[in-house]
């Protein structure tokens, strides 16, 4: 293998390792708020006890779940802790409830994400 190819592979490995390290170093955060299905909440403002069963069905079908932070109304899109996995049942079964979600926080392009580690 020539030096250019060796250099390219070394840079690729270093960048991959840096990306993994950055993801692992994301800050853990606990956020208290209400679990909402993002479609009904975002398009119609639907929320609350009367919307609970609809929100559970939407979350079970894969509609993104939003955690609306108490006091600030900041919205976090909840993500599973592993790629190609569903959200934990303790999220989908508690739609429209006030919960505290702890996980790693990420922000991209103005959107806020929280990788779910625990729900209380």
PDB file of N, CA and C in Angstrom:
ATOM      1  N   UNK A   1       0.857  -1.169   0.000  1.00  0.00           N
ATOM      2  CA  UNK A   1       0.000   0.000   0.000  1.00  0.00           C
ATOM      3  C   UNK A   1       0.903   1.232   0.000  1.00  0.00           C
ATOM      4  N   UNK A   2       0.528   2.238  -0.797  1.00  0.00           N
ATOM      5  CA  UNK A   2       1.366   3.439  -0.849  1.00  0.00           C
ATOM      6  C   UNK A   2       1.074   4.359   0.338  1.00  0.00           C
ATOM      7  N   UNK A   3       1.919   5.363   0.496  1.00  0.00           N
ATOM      8  CA  UNK A   3       1.796   6.256   1.662  1.00  0.00           C
ATOM      9  C   UNK A   3       0.505   7.056   1.640  1.00  0.00           C
ATOM     10  N   UNK A   4       0.026   7.442   0.462  1.00  0.00           N
ATOM     11  CA  UNK A   4      -1.210   8.209   0.379  1.00  0.00           C
ATOM     12  C   UNK A   4      -2.396   7.372   0.863  1.00  0.00           C
ATOM     13  N   UNK A   5      -2.459   6.127   0.455  1.00  0.00           N
ATOM     14  CA  UNK A   5      -3.540   5.245   0.892  1.00  0.00           C
ATOM     15  C   UNK A   5      -3.467   5.015   2.399  1.00  0.00           C
ATOM     16  N   UNK A   6      -2.262   4.804   2.918  1.00  0.00           N
ATOM     17  CA  UNK A   6      -2.075   4.608   4.349  1.00  0.00           C
ATOM     18  C   UNK A   6      -2.517   5.849   5.118  1.00  0.00           C
ATOM     19  N   UNK A   7      -2.179   7.024   4.612  1.00  0.00           N
ATOM     20  CA  UNK A   7      -2.568   8.287   5.237  1.00  0.00           C
ATOM     21  C   UNK A   7      -4.093   8.436   5.230  1.00  0.00           C
ATOM     22  N   UNK A   8      -4.727   8.146   4.088  1.00  0.00           N
ATOM     23  CA  UNK A   8      -6.177   8.276   3.967  1.00  0.00           C
ATOM     24  C   UNK A   8      -6.882   7.349   4.957  1.00  0.00           C
ATOM     25  N   UNK A   9      -6.402   6.123   5.081  1.00  0.00           N
ATOM     26  CA  UNK A   9      -6.996   5.174   6.032  1.00  0.00           C
ATOM     27  C   UNK A   9      -6.806   5.667   7.454  1.00  0.00           C
ATOM     28  N   UNK A  10      -5.617   6.182   7.778  1.00  0.00           N
ATOM     29  CA  UNK A  10      -5.342   6.691   9.130  1.00  0.00           C
ATOM     30  C   UNK A  10      -6.250   7.860   9.474  1.00  0.00           C
ATOM     31  N   UNK A  11      -6.440   8.785   8.521  1.00  0.00           N
ATOM     32  CA  UNK A  11      -7.320   9.938   8.753  1.00  0.00           C
ATOM     33  C   UNK A  11      -8.754   9.460   8.941  1.00  0.00           C
ATOM     34  N   UNK A  12      -9.198   8.520   8.125  1.00  0.00           N
ATOM     35  CA  UNK A  12     -10.555   7.988   8.243  1.00  0.00           C
ATOM     36  C   UNK A  12     -10.784   7.358   9.607  1.00  0.00           C
ATOM     37  N   UNK A  13      -9.842   6.553  10.069  1.00  0.00           N
ATOM     38  CA  UNK A  13      -9.959   5.912  11.385  1.00  0.00           C
ATOM     39  C   UNK A  13      -9.971   6.957  12.488  1.00  0.00           C
ATOM     40  N   UNK A  14      -9.136   7.968  12.394  1.00  0.00           N
ATOM     41  CA  UNK A  14      -9.073   9.023  13.412  1.00  0.00           C
ATOM     42  C   UNK A  14     -10.379   9.806  13.471  1.00  0.00           C
ATOM     43  N   UNK A  15     -10.941  10.144  12.307  1.00  0.00           N
ATOM     44  CA  UNK A  15     -12.201  10.891  12.285  1.00  0.00           C
ATOM     45  C   UNK A  15     -13.350  10.053  12.836  1.00  0.00           C
ATOM     46  N   UNK A  16     -13.373   8.774  12.500  1.00  0.00           N
ATOM     47  CA  UNK A  16     -14.400   7.891  13.037  1.00  0.00           C
ATOM     48  C   UNK A  16     -14.284   7.802  14.551  1.00  0.00           C
ATOM     49  N   UNK A  17     -13.084   7.618  15.040  1.00  0.00           N
ATOM     50  CA  UNK A  17     -12.862   7.540  16.490  1.00  0.00           C
ATOM     51  C   UNK A  17     -13.260   8.845  17.169  1.00  0.00           C
ATOM     52  N   UNK A  18     -12.959   9.977  16.544  1.00  0.00           N
ATOM     53  CA  UNK A  18     -13.330  11.268  17.126  1.00  0.00           C
ATOM     54  C   UNK A  18     -14.843  11.415  17.182  1.00  0.00           C
ATOM     55  N   UNK A  19     -15.535  10.976  16.134  1.00  0.00           N
ATOM     56  CA  UNK A  19     -16.996  11.042  16.120  1.00  0.00           C
ATOM     57  C   UNK A  19     -17.609  10.182  17.202  1.00  0.00           C
ATOM     58  N   UNK A  20     -17.082   8.981  17.406  1.00  0.00           N
ATOM     59  CA  UNK A  20     -17.566   8.105  18.463  1.00  0.00           C
ATOM     60  C   UNK A  20     -17.287   8.723  19.823  1.00  0.00           C
ATOM     61  N   UNK A  21     -16.125   9.304  19.996  1.00  0.00           N
ATOM     62  CA  UNK A  21     -15.780   9.931  21.272  1.00  0.00           C
ATOM     63  C   UNK A  21     -16.698  11.112  21.556  1.00  0.00           C
ATOM     64  N   UNK A  22     -16.998  11.922  20.546  1.00  0.00           N
ATOM     65  CA  UNK A  22     -17.893  13.057  20.746  1.00  0.00           C
ATOM     66  C   UNK A  22     -19.278  12.585  21.136  1.00  0.00           C
ATOM     67  N   UNK A  23     -19.776  11.537  20.468  1.00  0.00           N
ATOM     68  CA  UNK A  23     -21.105  11.016  20.798  1.00  0.00           C
ATOM     69  C   UNK A  23     -21.122  10.480  22.225  1.00  0.00           C
ATOM     70  N   UNK A  24     -20.059   9.815  22.626  1.00  0.00           N
ATOM     71  CA  UNK A  24     -19.999   9.247  23.973  1.00  0.00           C
ATOM     72  C   UNK A  24     -19.913  10.340  25.039  1.00  0.00           C
ATOM     73  N   UNK A  25     -19.380  11.504  24.670  1.00  0.00           N
ATOM     74  CA  UNK A  25     -19.209  12.589  25.620  1.00  0.00           C
ATOM     75  C   UNK A  25     -20.398  13.549  25.679  1.00  0.00           C
ATOM     76  N   UNK A  26     -21.497  13.226  24.980  1.00  0.00           N
ATOM     77  CA  UNK A  26     -22.670  14.098  25.037  1.00  0.00           C
ATOM     78  C   UNK A  26     -23.129  14.187  26.489  1.00  0.00           C
ATOM     79  N   UNK A  27     -23.524  15.384  26.916  1.00  0.00           N
ATOM     80  CA  UNK A  27     -23.900  15.547  28.319  1.00  0.00           C
ATOM     81  C   UNK A  27     -25.199  14.821  28.668  1.00  0.00           C
ATOM     82  N   UNK A  28     -25.250  14.216  29.835  1.00  0.00           N
ATOM     83  CA  UNK A  28     -26.483  13.616  30.340  1.00  0.00           C
ATOM     84  C   UNK A  28     -27.335  14.739  30.921  1.00  0.00           C
ATOM     85  N   UNK A  29     -28.619  14.643  30.698  1.00  0.00           N
ATOM     86  CA  UNK A  29     -29.523  15.688  31.144  1.00  0.00           C
ATOM     87  C   UNK A  29     -30.829  15.046  31.579  1.00  0.00           C
ATOM     88  N   UNK A  30     -31.464  15.614  32.594  1.00  0.00           N
ATOM     89  CA  UNK A  30     -32.803  15.192  33.005  1.00  0.00           C
ATOM     90  C   UNK A  30     -33.768  16.311  32.670  1.00  0.00           C
ATOM     91  N   UNK A  31     -34.842  15.955  31.979  1.00  0.00           N
ATOM     92  CA  UNK A  31     -35.845  16.937  31.556  1.00  0.00           C
ATOM     93  C   UNK A  31     -37.207  16.459  32.033  1.00  0.00           C
ATOM     94  N   UNK A  32     -37.935  17.331  32.714  1.00  0.00           N
ATOM     95  CA  UNK A  32     -39.288  17.026  33.167  1.00  0.00           C
ATOM     96  C   UNK A  32     -40.269  17.742  32.250  1.00  0.00           C
ATOM     97  N   UNK A  33     -41.267  16.989  31.806  1.00  0.00           N
ATOM     98  CA  UNK A  33     -42.287  17.570  30.931  1.00  0.00           C
ATOM     99  C   UNK A  33     -43.307  16.532  30.537  1.00  0.00           C
ATOM    100  N   UNK A  34     -44.158  16.888  29.576  1.00  0.00           N
ATOM    101  CA  UNK A  34     -45.211  15.998  29.100  1.00  0.00           C
ATOM    102  C   UNK A  34     -44.794  15.317  27.814  1.00  0.00           C
ATOM    103  N   UNK A  35     -45.134  14.023  27.713  1.00  0.00           N
ATOM    104  CA  UNK A  35     -44.883  13.255  26.496  1.00  0.00           C
ATOM    105  C   UNK A  35     -46.036  13.489  25.526  1.00  0.00           C
ATOM    106  N   UNK A  36     -45.716  13.948  24.338  1.00  0.00           N
ATOM    107  CA  UNK A  36     -46.721  14.256  23.316  1.00  0.00           C
ATOM    108  C   UNK A  36     -46.373  13.554  22.014  1.00  0.00           C
ATOM    109  N   UNK A  37     -47.407  13.150  21.241  1.00  0.00           N
ATOM    110  CA  UNK A  37     -47.091  12.673  19.902  1.00  0.00           C
ATOM    111  C   UNK A  37     -46.929  13.922  19.044  1.00  0.00           C
ATOM    112  N   UNK A  38     -45.831  13.983  18.338  1.00  0.00           N
ATOM    113  CA  UNK A  38     -45.458  15.217  17.653  1.00  0.00           C
ATOM    114  C   UNK A  38     -46.433  15.606  16.538  1.00  0.00           C
ATOM    115  N   UNK A  39     -47.080  14.637  15.909  1.00  0.00           N
ATOM    116  CA  UNK A  39     -48.001  14.979  14.818  1.00  0.00           C
ATOM    117  C   UNK A  39     -49.215  15.738  15.345  1.00  0.00           C
ATOM    118  N   UNK A  40     -49.943  15.140  16.259  1.00  0.00           N
ATOM    119  CA  UNK A  40     -51.163  15.788  16.766  1.00  0.00           C
ATOM    120  C   UNK A  40     -50.853  17.065  17.536  1.00  0.00           C
ATOM    121  N   UNK A  41     -49.780  17.036  18.327  1.00  0.00           N
ATOM    122  CA  UNK A  41     -49.393  18.211  19.104  1.00  0.00           C
ATOM    123  C   UNK A  41     -48.968  19.349  18.177  1.00  0.00           C
ATOM    124  N   UNK A  42     -48.151  19.009  17.174  1.00  0.00           N
ATOM    125  CA  UNK A  42     -47.626  20.038  16.281  1.00  0.00           C
ATOM    126  C   UNK A  42     -48.625  20.582  15.285  1.00  0.00           C
ATOM    127  N   UNK A  43     -49.510  19.722  14.777  1.00  0.00           N
ATOM    128  CA  UNK A  43     -50.430  20.174  13.733  1.00  0.00           C
ATOM    129  C   UNK A  43     -51.768  20.669  14.260  1.00  0.00           C
ATOM    130  N   UNK A  44     -52.222  20.110  15.399  1.00  0.00           N
ATOM    131  CA  UNK A  44     -53.560  20.452  15.894  1.00  0.00           C
ATOM    132  C   UNK A  44     -53.554  20.984  17.322  1.00  0.00           C
ATOM    133  N   UNK A  45     -52.410  20.901  17.987  1.00  0.00           N
ATOM    134  CA  UNK A  45     -52.347  21.321  19.380  1.00  0.00           C
ATOM    135  C   UNK A  45     -53.016  20.335  20.327  1.00  0.00           C
ATOM    136  N   UNK A  46     -53.298  19.109  19.849  1.00  0.00           N
ATOM    137  CA  UNK A  46     -53.970  18.108  20.677  1.00  0.00           C
ATOM    138  C   UNK A  46     -53.042  17.653  21.796  1.00  0.00           C
ATOM    139  N   UNK A  47     -53.577  17.611  23.009  1.00  0.00           N
ATOM    140  CA  UNK A  47     -52.814  17.169  24.173  1.00  0.00           C
ATOM    141  C   UNK A  47     -53.761  16.917  25.326  1.00  0.00           C
ATOM    142  N   UNK A  48     -53.245  16.307  26.377  1.00  0.00           N
ATOM    143  CA  UNK A  48     -54.039  16.104  27.580  1.00  0.00           C
ATOM    144  C   UNK A  48     -54.663  14.731  27.660  1.00  0.00           C
ATOM    145  N   UNK A  49     -55.408  14.508  28.757  1.00  0.00           N
ATOM    146  CA  UNK A  49     -55.984  13.196  29.058  1.00  0.00           C
ATOM    147  C   UNK A  49     -56.904  12.696  27.954  1.00  0.00           C
ATOM    148  N   UNK A  50     -57.671  13.583  27.333  1.00  0.00           N
ATOM    149  CA  UNK A  50     -58.602  13.158  26.277  1.00  0.00           C
ATOM    150  C   UNK A  50     -57.877  12.685  25.018  1.00  0.00           C
ATOM    151  N   UNK A  51     -56.605  12.993  24.909  1.00  0.00           N
ATOM    152  CA  UNK A  51     -55.816  12.612  23.738  1.00  0.00           C
ATOM    153  C   UNK A  51     -54.887  11.429  24.016  1.00  0.00           C
ATOM    154  N   UNK A  52     -54.896  10.898  25.220  1.00  0.00           N
ATOM    155  CA  UNK A  52     -53.940   9.877  25.639  1.00  0.00           C
ATOM    156  C   UNK A  52     -53.934   8.638  24.743  1.00  0.00           C
ATOM    157  N   UNK A  53     -55.086   8.046  24.452  1.00  0.00           N
ATOM    158  CA  UNK A  53     -55.123   6.809  23.660  1.00  0.00           C
ATOM    159  C   UNK A  53     -54.641   7.059  22.234  1.00  0.00           C
ATOM    160  N   UNK A  54     -54.987   8.188  21.660  1.00  0.00           N
ATOM    161  CA  UNK A  54     -54.502   8.542  20.317  1.00  0.00           C
ATOM    162  C   UNK A  54     -52.985   8.677  20.335  1.00  0.00           C
ATOM    163  N   UNK A  55     -52.464   9.332  21.350  1.00  0.00           N
ATOM    164  CA  UNK A  55     -51.013   9.535  21.457  1.00  0.00           C
ATOM    165  C   UNK A  55     -50.280   8.208  21.618  1.00  0.00           C
ATOM    166  N   UNK A  56     -50.845   7.293  22.392  1.00  0.00           N
ATOM    167  CA  UNK A  56     -50.228   5.968  22.554  1.00  0.00           C
ATOM    168  C   UNK A  56     -50.208   5.238  21.214  1.00  0.00           C
ATOM    169  N   UNK A  57     -51.322   5.270  20.481  1.00  0.00           N
ATOM    170  CA  UNK A  57     -51.372   4.596  19.167  1.00  0.00           C
ATOM    171  C   UNK A  57     -50.379   5.224  18.192  1.00  0.00           C
ATOM    172  N   UNK A  58     -50.293   6.543  18.178  1.00  0.00           N
ATOM    173  CA  UNK A  58     -49.358   7.226  17.266  1.00  0.00           C
ATOM    174  C   UNK A  58     -47.914   6.863  17.603  1.00  0.00           C
ATOM    175  N   UNK A  59     -47.570   6.871  18.879  1.00  0.00           N
ATOM    176  CA  UNK A  59     -46.205   6.529  19.294  1.00  0.00           C
ATOM    177  C   UNK A  59     -45.880   5.084  18.931  1.00  0.00           C
ATOM    178  N   UNK A  60     -46.845   4.186  19.124  1.00  0.00           N
ATOM    179  CA  UNK A  60     -46.628   2.770  18.805  1.00  0.00           C
ATOM    180  C   UNK A  60     -46.426   2.555  17.306  1.00  0.00           C
ATOM    181  N   UNK A  61     -47.007   3.435  16.485  1.00  0.00           N
ATOM    182  CA  UNK A  61     -46.863   3.318  15.030  1.00  0.00           C
ATOM    183  C   UNK A  61     -45.630   4.040  14.501  1.00  0.00           C
ATOM    184  N   UNK A  62     -44.884   4.697  15.394  1.00  0.00           N
ATOM    185  CA  UNK A  62     -43.636   5.322  14.974  1.00  0.00           C
ATOM    186  C   UNK A  62     -43.654   6.825  14.803  1.00  0.00           C
ATOM    187  N   UNK A  63     -44.778   7.474  15.126  1.00  0.00           N
ATOM    188  CA  UNK A  63     -44.787   8.939  15.098  1.00  0.00           C
ATOM    189  C   UNK A  63     -43.794   9.401  16.163  1.00  0.00           C
ATOM    190  N   UNK A  64     -42.891  10.328  15.839  1.00  0.00           N
ATOM    191  CA  UNK A  64     -41.907  10.767  16.836  1.00  0.00           C
ATOM    192  C   UNK A  64     -42.571  11.299  18.113  1.00  0.00           C
ATOM    193  N   UNK A  65     -41.980  10.933  19.232  1.00  0.00           N
ATOM    194  CA  UNK A  65     -42.470  11.381  20.539  1.00  0.00           C
ATOM    195  C   UNK A  65     -41.708  12.635  20.937  1.00  0.00           C
ATOM    196  N   UNK A  66     -42.458  13.645  21.352  1.00  0.00           N
ATOM    197  CA  UNK A  66     -41.874  14.904  21.809  1.00  0.00           C
ATOM    198  C   UNK A  66     -42.039  15.006  23.320  1.00  0.00           C
ATOM    199  N   UNK A  67     -41.002  15.470  23.970  1.00  0.00           N
ATOM    200  CA  UNK A  67     -41.072  15.792  25.390  1.00  0.00           C
ATOM    201  C   UNK A  67     -41.101  17.312  25.472  1.00  0.00           C
ATOM    202  N   UNK A  68     -42.223  17.859  25.962  1.00  0.00           N
ATOM    203  CA  UNK A  68     -42.380  19.309  26.075  1.00  0.00           C
ATOM    204  C   UNK A  68     -42.008  19.692  27.498  1.00  0.00           C
ATOM    205  N   UNK A  69     -40.875  20.388  27.628  1.00  0.00           N
ATOM    206  CA  UNK A  69     -40.321  20.702  28.944  1.00  0.00           C
ATOM    207  C   UNK A  69     -41.240  21.612  29.739  1.00  0.00           C
ATOM    208  N   UNK A  70     -41.464  21.223  30.974  1.00  0.00           N
ATOM    209  CA  UNK A  70     -42.286  21.987  31.907  1.00  0.00           C
ATOM    210  C   UNK A  70     -41.619  23.331  32.184  1.00  0.00           C
ATOM    211  N   UNK A  71     -42.386  24.399  32.070  1.00  0.00           N
ATOM    212  CA  UNK A  71     -41.882  25.733  32.392  1.00  0.00           C
ATOM    213  C   UNK A  71     -41.266  26.486  31.230  1.00  0.00           C
ATOM    214  N   UNK A  72     -40.700  25.774  30.255  1.00  0.00           N
ATOM    215  CA  UNK A  72     -40.069  26.459  29.120  1.00  0.00           C
ATOM    216  C   UNK A  72     -40.756  26.166  27.786  1.00  0.00           C
ATOM    217  N   UNK A  73     -41.498  25.058  27.721  1.00  0.00           N
ATOM    218  CA  UNK A  73     -42.121  24.557  26.483  1.00  0.00           C
ATOM    219  C   UNK A  73     -41.098  24.192  25.409  1.00  0.00           C
ATOM    220  N   UNK A  74     -39.829  24.050  25.800  1.00  0.00           N
ATOM    221  CA  UNK A  74     -38.803  23.583  24.873  1.00  0.00           C
ATOM    222  C   UNK A  74     -39.140  22.142  24.508  1.00  0.00           C
ATOM    223  N   UNK A  75     -39.019  21.811  23.233  1.00  0.00           N
ATOM    224  CA  UNK A  75     -39.389  20.484  22.754  1.00  0.00           C
ATOM    225  C   UNK A  75     -38.139  19.662  22.455  1.00  0.00           C
ATOM    226  N   UNK A  76     -38.145  18.435  22.988  1.00  0.00           N
ATOM    227  CA  UNK A  76     -37.096  17.455  22.714  1.00  0.00           C
ATOM    228  C   UNK A  76     -37.723  16.282  21.961  1.00  0.00           C
ATOM    229  N   UNK A  77     -37.146  15.898  20.849  1.00  0.00           N
ATOM    230  CA  UNK A  77     -37.547  14.674  20.168  1.00  0.00           C
ATOM    231  C   UNK A  77     -36.816  13.536  20.870  1.00  0.00           C
ATOM    232  N   UNK A  78     -37.576  12.542  21.332  1.00  0.00           N
ATOM    233  CA  UNK A  78     -36.964  11.427  22.046  1.00  0.00           C
ATOM    234  C   UNK A  78     -36.460  10.380  21.070  1.00  0.00           C
ATOM    235  N   UNK A  79     -35.275   9.870  21.347  1.00  0.00           N
ATOM    236  CA  UNK A  79     -34.646   8.852  20.515  1.00  0.00           C
ATOM    237  C   UNK A  79     -34.350   7.620  21.356  1.00  0.00           C
ATOM    238  N   UNK A  80     -34.403   6.427  20.736  1.00  0.00           N
ATOM    239  CA  UNK A  80     -34.028   5.215  21.479  1.00  0.00           C
ATOM    240  C   UNK A  80     -32.538   5.213  21.748  1.00  0.00           C
ATOM    241  N   UNK A  81     -32.101   4.366  22.676  1.00  0.00           N
ATOM    242  CA  UNK A  81     -30.678   4.353  23.022  1.00  0.00           C
ATOM    243  C   UNK A  81     -29.843   3.517  22.058  1.00  0.00           C
ATOM    244  N   UNK A  82     -30.478   2.953  21.024  1.00  0.00           N
ATOM    245  CA  UNK A  82     -29.760   2.177  20.025  1.00  0.00           C
ATOM    246  C   UNK A  82     -30.429   2.374  18.668  1.00  0.00           C
ATOM    247  N   UNK A  83     -29.636   2.551  17.629  1.00  0.00           N
ATOM    248  CA  UNK A  83     -30.142   2.704  16.277  1.00  0.00           C
ATOM    249  C   UNK A  83     -31.022   1.511  15.894  1.00  0.00           C
ATOM    250  N   UNK A  84     -32.046   1.770  15.112  1.00  0.00           N
ATOM    251  CA  UNK A  84     -32.977   0.747  14.619  1.00  0.00           C
ATOM    252  C   UNK A  84     -33.724   0.039  15.747  1.00  0.00           C
ATOM    253  N   UNK A  85     -33.954   0.745  16.845  1.00  0.00           N
ATOM    254  CA  UNK A  85     -34.695   0.205  17.980  1.00  0.00           C
ATOM    255  C   UNK A  85     -35.895   1.104  18.261  1.00  0.00           C
ATOM    256  N   UNK A  86     -36.949   0.539  18.836  1.00  0.00           N
ATOM    257  CA  UNK A  86     -38.087   1.389  19.228  1.00  0.00           C
ATOM    258  C   UNK A  86     -37.786   2.110  20.535  1.00  0.00           C
ATOM    259  N   UNK A  87     -38.589   3.110  20.830  1.00  0.00           N
ATOM    260  CA  UNK A  87     -38.506   3.746  22.143  1.00  0.00           C
ATOM    261  C   UNK A  87     -38.954   2.738  23.194  1.00  0.00           C
ATOM    262  N   UNK A  88     -38.466   2.867  24.415  1.00  0.00           N
ATOM    263  CA  UNK A  88     -38.886   1.935  25.465  1.00  0.00           C
ATOM    264  C   UNK A  88     -40.392   2.037  25.735  1.00  0.00           C
ATOM    265  N   UNK A  89     -40.975   0.924  26.172  1.00  0.00           N
ATOM    266  CA  UNK A  89     -42.410   0.898  26.486  1.00  0.00           C
ATOM    267  C   UNK A  89     -42.774   1.912  27.560  1.00  0.00           C
ATOM    268  N   UNK A  90     -41.845   2.205  28.480  1.00  0.00           N
ATOM    269  CA  UNK A  90     -42.181   3.175  29.530  1.00  0.00           C
ATOM    270  C   UNK A  90     -42.297   4.592  28.980  1.00  0.00           C
ATOM    271  N   UNK A  91     -41.942   4.803  27.726  1.00  0.00           N
ATOM    272  CA  UNK A  91     -42.232   6.077  27.046  1.00  0.00           C
ATOM    273  C   UNK A  91     -43.598   5.966  26.372  1.00  0.00           C
ATOM    274  N   UNK A  92     -43.762   4.978  25.504  1.00  0.00           N
ATOM    275  CA  UNK A  92     -44.998   4.901  24.707  1.00  0.00           C
ATOM    276  C   UNK A  92     -46.241   4.681  25.559  1.00  0.00           C
ATOM    277  N   UNK A  93     -46.128   3.986  26.680  1.00  0.00           N
ATOM    278  CA  UNK A  93     -47.293   3.753  27.529  1.00  0.00           C
ATOM    279  C   UNK A  93     -47.607   4.922  28.457  1.00  0.00           C
ATOM    280  N   UNK A  94     -46.713   5.914  28.494  1.00  0.00           N
ATOM    281  CA  UNK A  94     -46.937   7.058  29.387  1.00  0.00           C
ATOM    282  C   UNK A  94     -47.190   8.347  28.608  1.00  0.00           C
ATOM    283  N   UNK A  95     -47.640   8.207  27.383  1.00  0.00           N
ATOM    284  CA  UNK A  95     -47.949   9.386  26.577  1.00  0.00           C
ATOM    285  C   UNK A  95     -48.958  10.265  27.309  1.00  0.00           C
ATOM    286  N   UNK A  96     -48.787  11.563  27.184  1.00  0.00           N
ATOM    287  CA  UNK A  96     -49.623  12.599  27.813  1.00  0.00           C
ATOM    288  C   UNK A  96     -49.408  12.711  29.318  1.00  0.00           C
ATOM    289  N   UNK A  97     -48.482  11.936  29.875  1.00  0.00           N
ATOM    290  CA  UNK A  97     -48.168  12.036  31.299  1.00  0.00           C
ATOM    291  C   UNK A  97     -46.964  12.958  31.497  1.00  0.00           C
ATOM    292  N   UNK A  98     -46.879  13.528  32.702  1.00  0.00           N
ATOM    293  CA  UNK A  98     -45.671  14.268  33.067  1.00  0.00           C
ATOM    294  C   UNK A  98     -44.639  13.265  33.569  1.00  0.00           C
ATOM    295  N   UNK A  99     -43.462  13.308  32.982  1.00  0.00           N
ATOM    296  CA  UNK A  99     -42.381  12.383  33.324  1.00  0.00           C
ATOM    297  C   UNK A  99     -41.068  13.155  33.399  1.00  0.00           C
ATOM    298  N   UNK A 100     -40.051  12.488  33.920  1.00  0.00           N
ATOM    299  CA  UNK A 100     -38.689  13.008  33.866  1.00  0.00           C
ATOM    300  C   UNK A 100     -37.874  12.009  33.055  1.00  0.00           C
ATOM    301  N   UNK A 101     -37.326  12.479  31.948  1.00  0.00           N
ATOM    302  CA  UNK A 101     -36.511  11.641  31.078  1.00  0.00           C
ATOM    303  C   UNK A 101     -35.057  12.055  31.267  1.00  0.00           C
ATOM    304  N   UNK A 102     -34.207  11.062  31.499  1.00  0.00           N
ATOM    305  CA  UNK A 102     -32.775  11.301  31.602  1.00  0.00           C
ATOM    306  C   UNK A 102     -32.110  10.647  30.408  1.00  0.00           C
ATOM    307  N   UNK A 103     -31.187  11.368  29.793  1.00  0.00           N
ATOM    308  CA  UNK A 103     -30.472  10.833  28.648  1.00  0.00           C
ATOM    309  C   UNK A 103     -29.467  11.815  28.110  1.00  0.00           C
ATOM    310  N   UNK A 104     -28.875  11.455  27.001  1.00  0.00           N
ATOM    311  CA  UNK A 104     -27.883  12.316  26.364  1.00  0.00           C
ATOM    312  C   UNK A 104     -28.594  13.307  25.448  1.00  0.00           C
ATOM    313  N   UNK A 105     -28.171  14.566  25.550  1.00  0.00           N
ATOM    314  CA  UNK A 105     -28.801  15.653  24.807  1.00  0.00           C
ATOM    315  C   UNK A 105     -27.963  15.994  23.577  1.00  0.00           C
ATOM    316  N   UNK A 106     -28.655  16.202  22.454  1.00  0.00           N
ATOM    317  CA  UNK A 106     -28.017  16.622  21.207  1.00  0.00           C
ATOM    318  C   UNK A 106     -28.870  17.725  20.590  1.00  0.00           C
ATOM    319  N   UNK A 107     -28.236  18.627  19.870  1.00  0.00           N
ATOM    320  CA  UNK A 107     -28.940  19.672  19.116  1.00  0.00           C
ATOM    321  C   UNK A 107     -28.339  19.733  17.722  1.00  0.00           C
ATOM    322  N   UNK A 108     -29.189  19.715  16.723  1.00  0.00           N
ATOM    323  CA  UNK A 108     -28.761  19.811  15.325  1.00  0.00           C
ATOM    324  C   UNK A 108     -29.768  20.664  14.570  1.00  0.00           C
ATOM    325  N   UNK A 109     -29.284  21.671  13.863  1.00  0.00           N
ATOM    326  CA  UNK A 109     -30.148  22.469  12.997  1.00  0.00           C
ATOM    327  C   UNK A 109     -31.339  23.085  13.694  1.00  0.00           C
ATOM    328  N   UNK A 110     -31.208  23.417  14.951  1.00  0.00           N
ATOM    329  CA  UNK A 110     -32.297  24.033  15.695  1.00  0.00           C
ATOM    330  C   UNK A 110     -33.230  23.034  16.372  1.00  0.00           C
ATOM    331  N   UNK A 111     -33.026  21.750  16.137  1.00  0.00           N
ATOM    332  CA  UNK A 111     -33.853  20.718  16.774  1.00  0.00           C
ATOM    333  C   UNK A 111     -33.113  20.165  17.994  1.00  0.00           C
ATOM    334  N   UNK A 112     -33.886  19.792  19.017  1.00  0.00           N
ATOM    335  CA  UNK A 112     -33.339  19.231  20.248  1.00  0.00           C
ATOM    336  C   UNK A 112     -33.703  17.757  20.344  1.00  0.00           C
ATOM    337  N   UNK A 113     -32.740  16.937  20.708  1.00  0.00           N
ATOM    338  CA  UNK A 113     -32.945  15.504  20.817  1.00  0.00           C
ATOM    339  C   UNK A 113     -32.488  15.033  22.191  1.00  0.00           C
ATOM    340  N   UNK A 114     -33.143  13.997  22.703  1.00  0.00           N
ATOM    341  CA  UNK A 114     -32.756  13.400  23.969  1.00  0.00           C
ATOM    342  C   UNK A 114     -32.800  11.882  23.774  1.00  0.00           C
ATOM    343  N   UNK A 115     -31.637  11.236  23.923  1.00  0.00           N
ATOM    344  CA  UNK A 115     -31.555   9.779  23.828  1.00  0.00           C
ATOM    345  C   UNK A 115     -31.991   9.219  25.185  1.00  0.00           C
ATOM    346  N   UNK A 116     -33.066   8.454  25.206  1.00  0.00           N
ATOM    347  CA  UNK A 116     -33.674   7.993  26.439  1.00  0.00           C
ATOM    348  C   UNK A 116     -32.817   6.935  27.130  1.00  0.00           C
ATOM    349  N   UNK A 117     -32.408   7.257  28.354  1.00  0.00           N
ATOM    350  CA  UNK A 117     -31.715   6.293  29.206  1.00  0.00           C
ATOM    351  C   UNK A 117     -32.637   5.799  30.321  1.00  0.00           C
ATOM    352  N   UNK A 118     -33.480   6.711  30.862  1.00  0.00           N
ATOM    353  CA  UNK A 118     -34.443   6.312  31.892  1.00  0.00           C
ATOM    354  C   UNK A 118     -35.634   7.267  31.875  1.00  0.00           C
ATOM    355  N   UNK A 119     -36.756   6.742  32.382  1.00  0.00           N
ATOM    356  CA  UNK A 119     -38.000   7.523  32.480  1.00  0.00           C
ATOM    357  C   UNK A 119     -38.577   7.305  33.868  1.00  0.00           C
ATOM    358  N   UNK A 120     -38.874   8.405  34.541  1.00  0.00           N
ATOM    359  CA  UNK A 120     -39.482   8.322  35.880  1.00  0.00           C
ATOM    360  C   UNK A 120     -40.743   9.142  35.913  1.00  0.00           C
TER     361      UNK A 120
END
